Amino acid sequence: EGNDSNWGDSGGSFQGSDTNRATSVLNKGNSQEVQFFNGTGTQWS
């Protein structure tokens, strides 16, 4: 439901082996878009 700046760490909605695994995604949000990155960190690089 919120942001996750590192899918491979132990915090946030996605953790550990979740990083670099998604092949399809779904946006069920009501008011915003989802921006995906191939980098990590809150610099959103």
Full PDB file with SEQRES, HELIX, SHEET, SSBOND, CRYST1, ORIGX, SCALE, CONECT and MASTER records, all heavy atoms in Angstrom:
SEQRES   1 A   45  GLU GLY ASN ASP SER ASN TRP GLY ASP SER GLY GLY SER          
SEQRES   2 A   45  PHE GLN GLY SER ASP THR ASN ARG ALA THR SER VAL LEU          
SEQRES   3 A   45  ASN LYS GLY ASN SER GLN GLU VAL GLN PHE PHE ASN GLY          
SEQRES   4 A   45  THR GLY THR GLN TRP SER                                      
HELIX    1 AA1 GLY A   16  ASP A   18  5                                   3    
CRYST1    1.000    1.000    1.000  90.00  90.00  90.00 P 1           1          
ORIGX1      1.000000  0.000000  0.000000        0.00000                         
ORIGX2      0.000000  1.000000  0.000000        0.00000                         
ORIGX3      0.000000  0.000000  1.000000        0.00000                         
SCALE1      1.000000  0.000000  0.000000        0.00000                         
SCALE2      0.000000  1.000000  0.000000        0.00000                         
SCALE3      0.000000  0.000000  1.000000        0.00000                         
ATOM      1  N   GLU A   1       0.831  -1.193   0.000  1.00  0.00           N  
ATOM      2  CA  GLU A   1       0.000   0.000   0.000  1.00  0.00           C  
ATOM      3  C   GLU A   1       0.872   1.251   0.000  1.00  0.00           C  
ATOM      4  O   GLU A   1       0.442   2.297  -0.439  1.00  0.00           O  
ATOM      5  CB  GLU A   1      -0.932   0.000   1.206  1.00  0.00           C  
ATOM      6  CG  GLU A   1      -1.977  -1.090   1.135  1.00  0.00           C  
ATOM      7  CD  GLU A   1      -2.932  -1.053   2.310  1.00  0.00           C  
ATOM      8  OE1 GLU A   1      -3.033  -0.013   2.983  1.00  0.00           O  
ATOM      9  OE2 GLU A   1      -3.589  -2.079   2.546  1.00  0.00           O  
ATOM     10  N   GLY A   2       2.098   1.126   0.479  1.00  0.00           N  
ATOM     11  CA  GLY A   2       3.021   2.261   0.546  1.00  0.00           C  
ATOM     12  C   GLY A   2       4.239   2.037  -0.325  1.00  0.00           C  
ATOM     13  O   GLY A   2       4.315   1.078  -1.088  1.00  0.00           O  
ATOM     14  N   ASN A   3       5.201   2.938  -0.201  1.00  0.00           N  
ATOM     15  CA  ASN A   3       6.454   2.847  -0.945  1.00  0.00           C  
ATOM     16  C   ASN A   3       7.348   1.760  -0.352  1.00  0.00           C  
ATOM     17  O   ASN A   3       7.267   1.470   0.840  1.00  0.00           O  
ATOM     18  CB  ASN A   3       7.213   4.176  -0.881  1.00  0.00           C  
ATOM     19  CG  ASN A   3       6.421   5.318  -1.480  1.00  0.00           C  
ATOM     20  OD1 ASN A   3       5.511   5.118  -2.273  1.00  0.00           O  
ATOM     21  ND2 ASN A   3       6.773   6.533  -1.098  1.00  0.00           N  
ATOM     22  N   ASP A   4       8.213   1.198  -1.176  1.00  0.00           N  
ATOM     23  CA  ASP A   4       9.224   0.254  -0.699  1.00  0.00           C  
ATOM     24  C   ASP A   4      10.500   0.532  -1.491  1.00  0.00           C  
ATOM     25  O   ASP A   4      10.582   0.229  -2.682  1.00  0.00           O  
ATOM     26  CB  ASP A   4       8.766  -1.187  -0.891  1.00  0.00           C  
ATOM     27  CG  ASP A   4       9.658  -2.198  -0.180  1.00  0.00           C  
ATOM     28  OD1 ASP A   4      10.835  -1.871   0.083  1.00  0.00           O  
ATOM     29  OD2 ASP A   4       9.186  -3.305   0.097  1.00  0.00           O  
ATOM     30  N   SER A   5      11.492   1.120  -0.832  1.00  0.00           N  
ATOM     31  CA  SER A   5      12.719   1.557  -1.511  1.00  0.00           C  
ATOM     32  C   SER A   5      13.746   0.445  -1.737  1.00  0.00           C  
ATOM     33  O   SER A   5      14.758   0.674  -2.376  1.00  0.00           O  
ATOM     34  CB  SER A   5      13.376   2.704  -0.733  1.00  0.00           C  
ATOM     35  OG  SER A   5      13.784   2.258   0.540  1.00  0.00           O  
ATOM     36  N   ASN A   6      13.475  -0.756  -1.222  1.00  0.00           N  
ATOM     37  CA  ASN A   6      14.412  -1.863  -1.438  1.00  0.00           C  
ATOM     38  C   ASN A   6      13.669  -3.188  -1.258  1.00  0.00           C  
ATOM     39  O   ASN A   6      13.424  -3.618  -0.137  1.00  0.00           O  
ATOM     40  CB  ASN A   6      15.586  -1.778  -0.470  1.00  0.00           C  
ATOM     41  CG  ASN A   6      16.665  -2.792  -0.777  1.00  0.00           C  
ATOM     42  OD1 ASN A   6      16.431  -3.782  -1.473  1.00  0.00           O  
ATOM     43  ND2 ASN A   6      17.851  -2.564  -0.261  1.00  0.00           N  
ATOM     44  N   TRP A   7      13.345  -3.823  -2.362  1.00  0.00           N  
ATOM     45  CA  TRP A   7      12.623  -5.088  -2.313  1.00  0.00           C  
ATOM     46  C   TRP A   7      13.487  -6.224  -1.792  1.00  0.00           C  
ATOM     47  O   TRP A   7      12.973  -7.303  -1.504  1.00  0.00           O  
ATOM     48  CB  TRP A   7      12.091  -5.454  -3.695  1.00  0.00           C  
ATOM     49  CG  TRP A   7      10.881  -4.691  -4.137  1.00  0.00           C  
ATOM     50  CD1 TRP A   7      10.447  -3.488  -3.670  1.00  0.00           C  
ATOM     51  CD2 TRP A   7       9.962  -5.086  -5.147  1.00  0.00           C  
ATOM     52  NE1 TRP A   7       9.307  -3.109  -4.336  1.00  0.00           N  
ATOM     53  CE2 TRP A   7       8.994  -4.068  -5.255  1.00  0.00           C  
ATOM     54  CE3 TRP A   7       9.874  -6.181  -5.985  1.00  0.00           C  
ATOM     55  CZ2 TRP A   7       7.937  -4.139  -6.150  1.00  0.00           C  
ATOM     56  CZ3 TRP A   7       8.827  -6.246  -6.883  1.00  0.00           C  
ATOM     57  CH2 TRP A   7       7.864  -5.239  -6.956  1.00  0.00           C  
ATOM     58  N   GLY A   8      14.775  -6.035  -1.652  1.00  0.00           N  
ATOM     59  CA  GLY A   8      15.661  -7.118  -1.233  1.00  0.00           C  
ATOM     60  C   GLY A   8      16.082  -7.065   0.220  1.00  0.00           C  
ATOM     61  O   GLY A   8      16.762  -7.962   0.693  1.00  0.00           O  
ATOM     62  N   ASP A   9      15.671  -6.019   0.943  1.00  0.00           N  
ATOM     63  CA  ASP A   9      16.066  -5.939   2.352  1.00  0.00           C  
ATOM     64  C   ASP A   9      15.026  -6.626   3.234  1.00  0.00           C  
ATOM     65  O   ASP A   9      14.144  -7.322   2.734  1.00  0.00           O  
ATOM     66  CB  ASP A   9      16.312  -4.481   2.768  1.00  0.00           C  
ATOM     67  CG  ASP A   9      15.054  -3.617   2.730  1.00  0.00           C  
ATOM     68  OD1 ASP A   9      13.934  -4.149   2.510  1.00  0.00           O  
ATOM     69  OD2 ASP A   9      15.181  -2.402   2.914  1.00  0.00           O  
ATOM     70  N   SER A  10      15.110  -6.415   4.536  1.00  0.00           N  
ATOM     71  CA  SER A  10      14.185  -7.079   5.459  1.00  0.00           C  
ATOM     72  C   SER A  10      13.074  -6.157   5.940  1.00  0.00           C  
ATOM     73  O   SER A  10      12.365  -6.481   6.873  1.00  0.00           O  
ATOM     74  CB  SER A  10      14.950  -7.641   6.656  1.00  0.00           C  
ATOM     75  OG  SER A  10      15.609  -6.576   7.333  1.00  0.00           O  
ATOM     76  N   GLY A  11      12.896  -5.003   5.290  1.00  0.00           N  
ATOM     77  CA  GLY A  11      11.825  -4.083   5.663  1.00  0.00           C  
ATOM     78  C   GLY A  11      10.886  -3.852   4.497  1.00  0.00           C  
ATOM     79  O   GLY A  11      11.206  -4.165   3.349  1.00  0.00           O  
ATOM     80  N   GLY A  12       9.723  -3.318   4.773  1.00  0.00           N  
ATOM     81  CA  GLY A  12       8.772  -3.015   3.715  1.00  0.00           C  
ATOM     82  C   GLY A  12       7.935  -4.217   3.318  1.00  0.00           C  
ATOM     83  O   GLY A  12       8.050  -5.309   3.874  1.00  0.00           O  
ATOM     84  N   SER A  13       7.092  -3.999   2.334  1.00  0.00           N  
ATOM     85  CA  SER A  13       6.156  -5.038   1.897  1.00  0.00           C  
ATOM     86  C   SER A  13       6.841  -6.175   1.155  1.00  0.00           C  
ATOM     87  O   SER A  13       6.436  -7.328   1.254  1.00  0.00           O  
ATOM     88  CB  SER A  13       5.098  -4.415   0.998  1.00  0.00           C  
ATOM     89  OG  SER A  13       4.421  -3.402   1.683  1.00  0.00           O  
ATOM     90  N   PHE A  14       7.859  -5.844   0.369  1.00  0.00           N  
ATOM     91  CA  PHE A  14       8.612  -6.856  -0.373  1.00  0.00           C  
ATOM     92  C   PHE A  14       9.961  -7.032   0.317  1.00  0.00           C  
ATOM     93  O   PHE A  14      10.590  -6.056   0.701  1.00  0.00           O  
ATOM     94  CB  PHE A  14       8.798  -6.420  -1.827  1.00  0.00           C  
ATOM     95  CG  PHE A  14       7.496  -6.357  -2.572  1.00  0.00           C  
ATOM     96  CD1 PHE A  14       6.777  -5.176  -2.635  1.00  0.00           C  
ATOM     97  CD2 PHE A  14       6.984  -7.476  -3.196  1.00  0.00           C  
ATOM     98  CE1 PHE A  14       5.568  -5.113  -3.317  1.00  0.00           C  
ATOM     99  CE2 PHE A  14       5.775  -7.428  -3.880  1.00  0.00           C  
ATOM    100  CZ  PHE A  14       5.064  -6.239  -3.927  1.00  0.00           C  
ATOM    101  N   GLN A  15      10.392  -8.290   0.462  1.00  0.00           N  
ATOM    102  CA  GLN A  15      11.606  -8.553   1.220  1.00  0.00           C  
ATOM    103  C   GLN A  15      12.405  -9.697   0.614  1.00  0.00           C  
ATOM    104  O   GLN A  15      11.850 -10.583  -0.041  1.00  0.00           O  
ATOM    105  CB  GLN A  15      11.249  -8.915   2.669  1.00  0.00           C  
ATOM    106  CG  GLN A  15      10.540  -7.803   3.403  1.00  0.00           C  
ATOM    107  CD  GLN A  15      10.230  -8.179   4.843  1.00  0.00           C  
ATOM    108  OE1 GLN A  15      10.616  -9.227   5.345  1.00  0.00           O  
ATOM    109  NE2 GLN A  15       9.530  -7.286   5.530  1.00  0.00           N  
ATOM    110  N   GLY A  16      13.712  -9.656   0.865  1.00  0.00           N  
ATOM    111  CA  GLY A  16      14.611 -10.756   0.519  1.00  0.00           C  
ATOM    112  C   GLY A  16      14.594 -11.128  -0.947  1.00  0.00           C  
ATOM    113  O   GLY A  16      14.947 -10.338  -1.813  1.00  0.00           O  
ATOM    114  N   SER A  17      14.129 -12.324  -1.240  1.00  0.00           N  
ATOM    115  CA  SER A  17      14.173 -12.857  -2.600  1.00  0.00           C  
ATOM    116  C   SER A  17      13.119 -12.263  -3.525  1.00  0.00           C  
ATOM    117  O   SER A  17      13.069 -12.620  -4.696  1.00  0.00           O  
ATOM    118  CB  SER A  17      14.043 -14.385  -2.573  1.00  0.00           C  
ATOM    119  OG  SER A  17      12.770 -14.758  -2.083  1.00  0.00           O  
ATOM    120  N   ASP A  18      12.280 -11.339  -3.037  1.00  0.00           N  
ATOM    121  CA  ASP A  18      11.285 -10.696  -3.899  1.00  0.00           C  
ATOM    122  C   ASP A  18      11.944  -9.793  -4.942  1.00  0.00           C  
ATOM    123  O   ASP A  18      11.400  -9.592  -6.026  1.00  0.00           O  
ATOM    124  CB  ASP A  18      10.307  -9.850  -3.078  1.00  0.00           C  
ATOM    125  CG  ASP A  18       9.427 -10.683  -2.169  1.00  0.00           C  
ATOM    126  OD1 ASP A  18       9.219 -11.877  -2.469  1.00  0.00           O  
ATOM    127  OD2 ASP A  18       8.947 -10.139  -1.161  1.00  0.00           O  
ATOM    128  N   THR A  19      13.110  -9.257  -4.620  1.00  0.00           N  
ATOM    129  CA  THR A  19      13.769  -8.338  -5.536  1.00  0.00           C  
ATOM    130  C   THR A  19      14.128  -9.033  -6.845  1.00  0.00           C  
ATOM    131  O   THR A  19      14.492 -10.205  -6.867  1.00  0.00           O  
ATOM    132  CB  THR A  19      15.022  -7.705  -4.888  1.00  0.00           C  
ATOM    133  OG1 THR A  19      15.443  -6.597  -5.691  1.00  0.00           O  
ATOM    134  CG2 THR A  19      16.158  -8.678  -4.719  1.00  0.00           C  
ATOM    135  N   ASN A  20      13.982  -8.302  -7.929  1.00  0.00           N  
ATOM    136  CA  ASN A  20      14.334  -8.795  -9.269  1.00  0.00           C  
ATOM    137  C   ASN A  20      13.606 -10.069  -9.675  1.00  0.00           C  
ATOM    138  O   ASN A  20      14.162 -10.909 -10.379  1.00  0.00           O  
ATOM    139  CB  ASN A  20      15.853  -8.995  -9.378  1.00  0.00           C  
ATOM    140  CG  ASN A  20      16.598  -7.709  -9.141  1.00  0.00           C  
ATOM    141  OD1 ASN A  20      16.169  -6.647  -9.560  1.00  0.00           O  
ATOM    142  ND2 ASN A  20      17.719  -7.800  -8.450  1.00  0.00           N  
ATOM    143  N   ARG A  21      12.349 -10.214  -9.249  1.00  0.00           N  
ATOM    144  CA  ARG A  21      11.576 -11.412  -9.605  1.00  0.00           C  
ATOM    145  C   ARG A  21      10.275 -11.104 -10.333  1.00  0.00           C  
ATOM    146  O   ARG A  21       9.713 -12.001 -10.959  1.00  0.00           O  
ATOM    147  CB  ARG A  21      11.256 -12.226  -8.353  1.00  0.00           C  
ATOM    148  CG  ARG A  21      12.457 -12.994  -7.866  1.00  0.00           C  
ATOM    149  CD  ARG A  21      12.152 -13.917  -6.728  1.00  0.00           C  
ATOM    150  NE  ARG A  21      11.035 -14.826  -6.988  1.00  0.00           N  
ATOM    151  CZ  ARG A  21      10.388 -15.460  -6.019  1.00  0.00           C  
ATOM    152  NH1 ARG A  21      10.707 -15.288  -4.767  1.00  0.00           N  
ATOM    153  NH2 ARG A  21       9.394 -16.280  -6.312  1.00  0.00           N  
ATOM    154  N   ALA A  22       9.754  -9.889 -10.246  1.00  0.00           N  
ATOM    155  CA  ALA A  22       8.435  -9.596 -10.812  1.00  0.00           C  
ATOM    156  C   ALA A  22       8.429  -9.664 -12.339  1.00  0.00           C  
ATOM    157  O   ALA A  22       9.286  -9.097 -12.997  1.00  0.00           O  
ATOM    158  CB  ALA A  22       7.967  -8.217 -10.357  1.00  0.00           C  
ATOM    159  N   THR A  23       7.442 -10.377 -12.865  1.00  0.00           N  
ATOM    160  CA  THR A  23       7.241 -10.486 -14.305  1.00  0.00           C  
ATOM    161  C   THR A  23       5.902  -9.882 -14.718  1.00  0.00           C  
ATOM    162  O   THR A  23       5.661  -9.625 -15.882  1.00  0.00           O  
ATOM    163  CB  THR A  23       7.318 -11.963 -14.752  1.00  0.00           C  
ATOM    164  OG1 THR A  23       8.593 -12.470 -14.353  1.00  0.00           O  
ATOM    165  CG2 THR A  23       7.206 -12.114 -16.250  1.00  0.00           C  
ATOM    166  N   SER A  24       5.013  -9.631 -13.756  1.00  0.00           N  
ATOM    167  CA  SER A  24       3.766  -8.919 -14.010  1.00  0.00           C  
ATOM    168  C   SER A  24       3.377  -8.150 -12.745  1.00  0.00           C  
ATOM    169  O   SER A  24       3.755  -8.536 -11.634  1.00  0.00           O  
ATOM    170  CB  SER A  24       2.651  -9.872 -14.447  1.00  0.00           C  
ATOM    171  OG  SER A  24       2.449 -10.914 -13.526  1.00  0.00           O  
ATOM    172  N   VAL A  25       2.656  -7.040 -12.937  1.00  0.00           N  
ATOM    173  CA  VAL A  25       2.274  -6.171 -11.823  1.00  0.00           C  
ATOM    174  C   VAL A  25       0.845  -5.669 -12.018  1.00  0.00           C  
ATOM    175  O   VAL A  25       0.335  -5.615 -13.135  1.00  0.00           O  
ATOM    176  CB  VAL A  25       3.244  -4.972 -11.681  1.00  0.00           C  
ATOM    177  CG1 VAL A  25       4.602  -5.427 -11.173  1.00  0.00           C  
ATOM    178  CG2 VAL A  25       3.395  -4.214 -12.989  1.00  0.00           C  
ATOM    179  N   LEU A  26       0.226  -5.284 -10.904  1.00  0.00           N  
ATOM    180  CA  LEU A  26      -1.159  -4.834 -10.898  1.00  0.00           C  
ATOM    181  C   LEU A  26      -1.272  -3.587 -10.032  1.00  0.00           C  
ATOM    182  O   LEU A  26      -0.749  -3.561  -8.918  1.00  0.00           O  
ATOM    183  CB  LEU A  26      -2.035  -5.960 -10.332  1.00  0.00           C  
ATOM    184  CG  LEU A  26      -3.497  -5.708 -10.044  1.00  0.00           C  
ATOM    185  CD1 LEU A  26      -4.254  -5.457 -11.347  1.00  0.00           C  
ATOM    186  CD2 LEU A  26      -4.089  -6.906  -9.321  1.00  0.00           C  
ATOM    187  N   ASN A  27      -1.920  -2.543 -10.543  1.00  0.00           N  
ATOM    188  CA  ASN A  27      -2.138  -1.308  -9.787  1.00  0.00           C  
ATOM    189  C   ASN A  27      -3.606  -1.240  -9.406  1.00  0.00           C  
ATOM    190  O   ASN A  27      -4.468  -1.028 -10.253  1.00  0.00           O  
ATOM    191  CB  ASN A  27      -1.752  -0.086 -10.626  1.00  0.00           C  
ATOM    192  CG  ASN A  27      -1.944   1.230  -9.888  1.00  0.00           C  
ATOM    193  OD1 ASN A  27      -2.514   1.280  -8.806  1.00  0.00           O  
ATOM    194  ND2 ASN A  27      -1.472   2.304 -10.481  1.00  0.00           N  
ATOM    195  N   LYS A  28      -3.903  -1.412  -8.111  1.00  0.00           N  
ATOM    196  CA  LYS A  28      -5.272  -1.306  -7.624  1.00  0.00           C  
ATOM    197  C   LYS A  28      -5.481  -0.012  -6.844  1.00  0.00           C  
ATOM    198  O   LYS A  28      -6.439   0.119  -6.112  1.00  0.00           O  
ATOM    199  CB  LYS A  28      -5.614  -2.517  -6.759  1.00  0.00           C  
ATOM    200  CG  LYS A  28      -5.697  -3.804  -7.565  1.00  0.00           C  
ATOM    201  CD  LYS A  28      -6.118  -4.960  -6.720  1.00  0.00           C  
ATOM    202  CE  LYS A  28      -7.596  -5.182  -6.888  1.00  0.00           C  
ATOM    203  NZ  LYS A  28      -8.082  -6.361  -6.158  1.00  0.00           N  
ATOM    204  N   GLY A  29      -4.557   0.947  -7.028  1.00  0.00           N  
ATOM    205  CA  GLY A  29      -4.660   2.224  -6.337  1.00  0.00           C  
ATOM    206  C   GLY A  29      -5.822   3.055  -6.853  1.00  0.00           C  
ATOM    207  O   GLY A  29      -6.287   2.872  -7.971  1.00  0.00           O  
ATOM    208  N   ASN A  30      -6.273   3.985  -6.023  1.00  0.00           N  
ATOM    209  CA  ASN A  30      -7.407   4.830  -6.382  1.00  0.00           C  
ATOM    210  C   ASN A  30      -7.016   6.198  -6.907  1.00  0.00           C  
ATOM    211  O   ASN A  30      -7.798   6.835  -7.603  1.00  0.00           O  
ATOM    212  CB  ASN A  30      -8.331   5.013  -5.172  1.00  0.00           C  
ATOM    213  CG  ASN A  30      -9.005   3.723  -4.792  1.00  0.00           C  
ATOM    214  OD1 ASN A  30      -9.351   2.918  -5.639  1.00  0.00           O  
ATOM    215  ND2 ASN A  30      -9.185   3.516  -3.500  1.00  0.00           N  
ATOM    216  N   SER A  31      -5.809   6.664  -6.581  1.00  0.00           N  
ATOM    217  CA  SER A  31      -5.501   8.039  -6.957  1.00  0.00           C  
ATOM    218  C   SER A  31      -4.088   8.263  -7.481  1.00  0.00           C  
ATOM    219  O   SER A  31      -3.779   9.369  -7.903  1.00  0.00           O  
ATOM    220  CB  SER A  31      -5.733   8.964  -5.754  1.00  0.00           C  
ATOM    221  OG  SER A  31      -4.864   8.626  -4.701  1.00  0.00           O  
ATOM    222  N   GLN A  32      -3.235   7.263  -7.473  1.00  0.00           N  
ATOM    223  CA  GLN A  32      -1.860   7.472  -7.917  1.00  0.00           C  
ATOM    224  C   GLN A  32      -1.376   6.343  -8.823  1.00  0.00           C  
ATOM    225  O   GLN A  32      -1.992   5.292  -8.914  1.00  0.00           O  
ATOM    226  CB  GLN A  32      -0.920   7.602  -6.720  1.00  0.00           C  
ATOM    227  CG  GLN A  32      -1.136   8.899  -5.953  1.00  0.00           C  
ATOM    228  CD  GLN A  32      -0.067   9.114  -4.908  1.00  0.00           C  
ATOM    229  OE1 GLN A  32       0.128   8.274  -4.049  1.00  0.00           O  
ATOM    230  NE2 GLN A  32       0.617  10.236  -5.013  1.00  0.00           N  
ATOM    231  N   GLU A  33      -0.252   6.629  -9.463  1.00  0.00           N  
ATOM    232  CA  GLU A  33       0.403   5.655 -10.321  1.00  0.00           C  
ATOM    233  C   GLU A  33       1.512   4.982  -9.506  1.00  0.00           C  
ATOM    234  O   GLU A  33       1.937   5.515  -8.497  1.00  0.00           O  
ATOM    235  CB  GLU A  33       1.027   6.339 -11.543  1.00  0.00           C  
ATOM    236  CG  GLU A  33       0.285   7.508 -12.140  1.00  0.00           C  
ATOM    237  CD  GLU A  33      -1.202   7.335 -12.390  1.00  0.00           C  
ATOM    238  OE1 GLU A  33      -1.679   6.207 -12.551  1.00  0.00           O  
ATOM    239  OE2 GLU A  33      -1.901   8.343 -12.417  1.00  0.00           O  
ATOM    240  N   VAL A  34       1.971   3.825  -9.967  1.00  0.00           N  
ATOM    241  CA  VAL A  34       3.089   3.150  -9.313  1.00  0.00           C  
ATOM    242  C   VAL A  34       4.314   3.313 -10.212  1.00  0.00           C  
ATOM    243  O   VAL A  34       4.265   3.021 -11.393  1.00  0.00           O  
ATOM    244  CB  VAL A  34       2.823   1.658  -9.083  1.00  0.00           C  
ATOM    245  CG1 VAL A  34       3.973   1.028  -8.300  1.00  0.00           C  
ATOM    246  CG2 VAL A  34       1.517   1.440  -8.357  1.00  0.00           C  
ATOM    247  N   GLN A  35       5.398   3.803  -9.617  1.00  0.00           N  
ATOM    248  CA  GLN A  35       6.655   3.974 -10.348  1.00  0.00           C  
ATOM    249  C   GLN A  35       7.628   2.913  -9.837  1.00  0.00           C  
ATOM    250  O   GLN A  35       7.905   2.835  -8.643  1.00  0.00           O  
ATOM    251  CB  GLN A  35       7.209   5.373 -10.108  1.00  0.00           C  
ATOM    252  CG  GLN A  35       8.381   5.732 -10.981  1.00  0.00           C  
ATOM    253  CD  GLN A  35       8.780   7.192 -10.782  1.00  0.00           C  
ATOM    254  OE1 GLN A  35       8.776   7.695  -9.657  1.00  0.00           O  
ATOM    255  NE2 GLN A  35       9.135   7.850 -11.863  1.00  0.00           N  
ATOM    256  N   PHE A  36       8.121   2.078 -10.755  1.00  0.00           N  
ATOM    257  CA  PHE A  36       9.039   0.999 -10.426  1.00  0.00           C  
ATOM    258  C   PHE A  36      10.449   1.397 -10.848  1.00  0.00           C  
ATOM    259  O   PHE A  36      10.629   2.090 -11.849  1.00  0.00           O  
ATOM    260  CB  PHE A  36       8.635  -0.281 -11.160  1.00  0.00           C  
ATOM    261  CG  PHE A  36       7.282  -0.789 -10.785  1.00  0.00           C  
ATOM    262  CD1 PHE A  36       6.183  -0.503 -11.569  1.00  0.00           C  
ATOM    263  CD2 PHE A  36       7.103  -1.560  -9.651  1.00  0.00           C  
ATOM    264  CE1 PHE A  36       4.923  -0.964 -11.239  1.00  0.00           C  
ATOM    265  CE2 PHE A  36       5.853  -2.032  -9.302  1.00  0.00           C  
ATOM    266  CZ  PHE A  36       4.752  -1.736 -10.096  1.00  0.00           C  
ATOM    267  N   PHE A  37      11.431   0.921 -10.109  1.00  0.00           N  
ATOM    268  CA  PHE A  37      12.842   1.245 -10.367  1.00  0.00           C  
ATOM    269  C   PHE A  37      13.682  -0.018 -10.409  1.00  0.00           C  
ATOM    270  O   PHE A  37      13.383  -1.000  -9.733  1.00  0.00           O  
ATOM    271  CB  PHE A  37      13.396   2.148  -9.257  1.00  0.00           C  
ATOM    272  CG  PHE A  37      12.727   3.477  -9.182  1.00  0.00           C  
ATOM    273  CD1 PHE A  37      11.566   3.637  -8.438  1.00  0.00           C  
ATOM    274  CD2 PHE A  37      13.238   4.575  -9.856  1.00  0.00           C  
ATOM    275  CE1 PHE A  37      10.935   4.869  -8.371  1.00  0.00           C  
ATOM    276  CE2 PHE A  37      12.612   5.809  -9.789  1.00  0.00           C  
ATOM    277  CZ  PHE A  37      11.463   5.949  -9.052  1.00  0.00           C  
ATOM    278  N   ASN A  38      14.793   0.050 -11.152  1.00  0.00           N  
ATOM    279  CA  ASN A  38      15.748  -1.054 -11.094  1.00  0.00           C  
ATOM    280  C   ASN A  38      16.923  -0.697 -10.197  1.00  0.00           C  
ATOM    281  O   ASN A  38      17.932  -1.379 -10.197  1.00  0.00           O  
ATOM    282  CB  ASN A  38      16.197  -1.506 -12.489  1.00  0.00           C  
ATOM    283  CG  ASN A  38      16.967  -0.460 -13.268  1.00  0.00           C  
ATOM    284  OD1 ASN A  38      16.910   0.725 -12.975  1.00  0.00           O  
ATOM    285  ND2 ASN A  38      17.668  -0.887 -14.285  1.00  0.00           N  
ATOM    286  N   GLY A  39      16.756   0.322  -9.392  1.00  0.00           N  
ATOM    287  CA  GLY A  39      17.706   0.688  -8.356  1.00  0.00           C  
ATOM    288  C   GLY A  39      17.008   0.677  -7.010  1.00  0.00           C  
ATOM    289  O   GLY A  39      15.792   0.530  -6.938  1.00  0.00           O  
ATOM    290  N   THR A  40      17.788   0.819  -5.940  1.00  0.00           N  
ATOM    291  CA  THR A  40      17.215   0.854  -4.593  1.00  0.00           C  
ATOM    292  C   THR A  40      17.591   2.157  -3.904  1.00  0.00           C  
ATOM    293  O   THR A  40      18.481   2.866  -4.340  1.00  0.00           O  
ATOM    294  CB  THR A  40      17.718  -0.331  -3.739  1.00  0.00           C  
ATOM    295  OG1 THR A  40      19.140  -0.267  -3.664  1.00  0.00           O  
ATOM    296  CG2 THR A  40      17.289  -1.659  -4.332  1.00  0.00           C  
ATOM    297  N   GLY A  41      16.900   2.437  -2.813  1.00  0.00           N  
ATOM    298  CA  GLY A  41      17.188   3.622  -2.016  1.00  0.00           C  
ATOM    299  C   GLY A  41      16.167   4.723  -2.244  1.00  0.00           C  
ATOM    300  O   GLY A  41      15.474   4.751  -3.251  1.00  0.00           O  
ATOM    301  N   THR A  42      16.101   5.629  -1.282  1.00  0.00           N  
ATOM    302  CA  THR A  42      15.109   6.700  -1.341  1.00  0.00           C  
ATOM    303  C   THR A  42      15.490   7.830  -2.282  1.00  0.00           C  
ATOM    304  O   THR A  42      14.751   8.797  -2.410  1.00  0.00           O  
ATOM    305  CB  THR A  42      14.839   7.266   0.065  1.00  0.00           C  
ATOM    306  OG1 THR A  42      16.081   7.688   0.634  1.00  0.00           O  
ATOM    307  CG2 THR A  42      14.185   6.222   0.959  1.00  0.00           C  
ATOM    308  N   GLN A  43      16.617   7.694  -2.977  1.00  0.00           N  
ATOM    309  CA  GLN A  43      16.951   8.655  -4.029  1.00  0.00           C  
ATOM    310  C   GLN A  43      16.163   8.326  -5.285  1.00  0.00           C  
ATOM    311  O   GLN A  43      16.123   9.114  -6.219  1.00  0.00           O  
ATOM    312  CB  GLN A  43      18.458   8.633  -4.364  1.00  0.00           C  
ATOM    313  CG  GLN A  43      19.379   8.948  -3.222  1.00  0.00           C  
ATOM    314  CD  GLN A  43      19.624   7.721  -2.345  1.00  0.00           C  
ATOM    315  OE1 GLN A  43      19.374   6.575  -2.722  1.00  0.00           O  
ATOM    316  NE2 GLN A  43      20.086   7.959  -1.131  1.00  0.00           N  
ATOM    317  N   TRP A  44      15.533   7.149  -5.314  1.00  0.00           N  
ATOM    318  CA  TRP A  44      14.721   6.688  -6.438  1.00  0.00           C  
ATOM    319  C   TRP A  44      15.502   6.825  -7.737  1.00  0.00           C  
ATOM    320  O   TRP A  44      15.094   7.485  -8.673  1.00  0.00           O  
ATOM    321  CB  TRP A  44      13.377   7.419  -6.480  1.00  0.00           C  
ATOM    322  CG  TRP A  44      12.659   7.307  -5.176  1.00  0.00           C  
ATOM    323  CD1 TRP A  44      12.472   8.313  -4.276  1.00  0.00           C  
ATOM    324  CD2 TRP A  44      12.075   6.142  -4.594  1.00  0.00           C  
ATOM    325  NE1 TRP A  44      11.809   7.833  -3.178  1.00  0.00           N  
ATOM    326  CE2 TRP A  44      11.546   6.501  -3.346  1.00  0.00           C  
ATOM    327  CE3 TRP A  44      11.951   4.817  -5.004  1.00  0.00           C  
ATOM    328  CZ2 TRP A  44      10.910   5.605  -2.510  1.00  0.00           C  
ATOM    329  CZ3 TRP A  44      11.311   3.917  -4.166  1.00  0.00           C  
ATOM    330  CH2 TRP A  44      10.800   4.311  -2.943  1.00  0.00           C  
ATOM    331  N   SER A  45      16.654   6.170  -7.759  1.00  0.00           N  
ATOM    332  CA  SER A  45      17.555   6.256  -8.913  1.00  0.00           C  
ATOM    333  C   SER A  45      17.480   4.996  -9.759  1.00  0.00           C  
ATOM    334  O   SER A  45      16.786   4.049  -9.429  1.00  0.00           O  
ATOM    335  CB  SER A  45      18.982   6.479  -8.427  1.00  0.00           C  
ATOM    336  OG  SER A  45      19.375   5.407  -7.593  1.00  0.00           O  
TER     337      SER A  45                                                      
MASTER        0    0    0    1    0    0    0    6  336    1    0    4          
END                                                                             
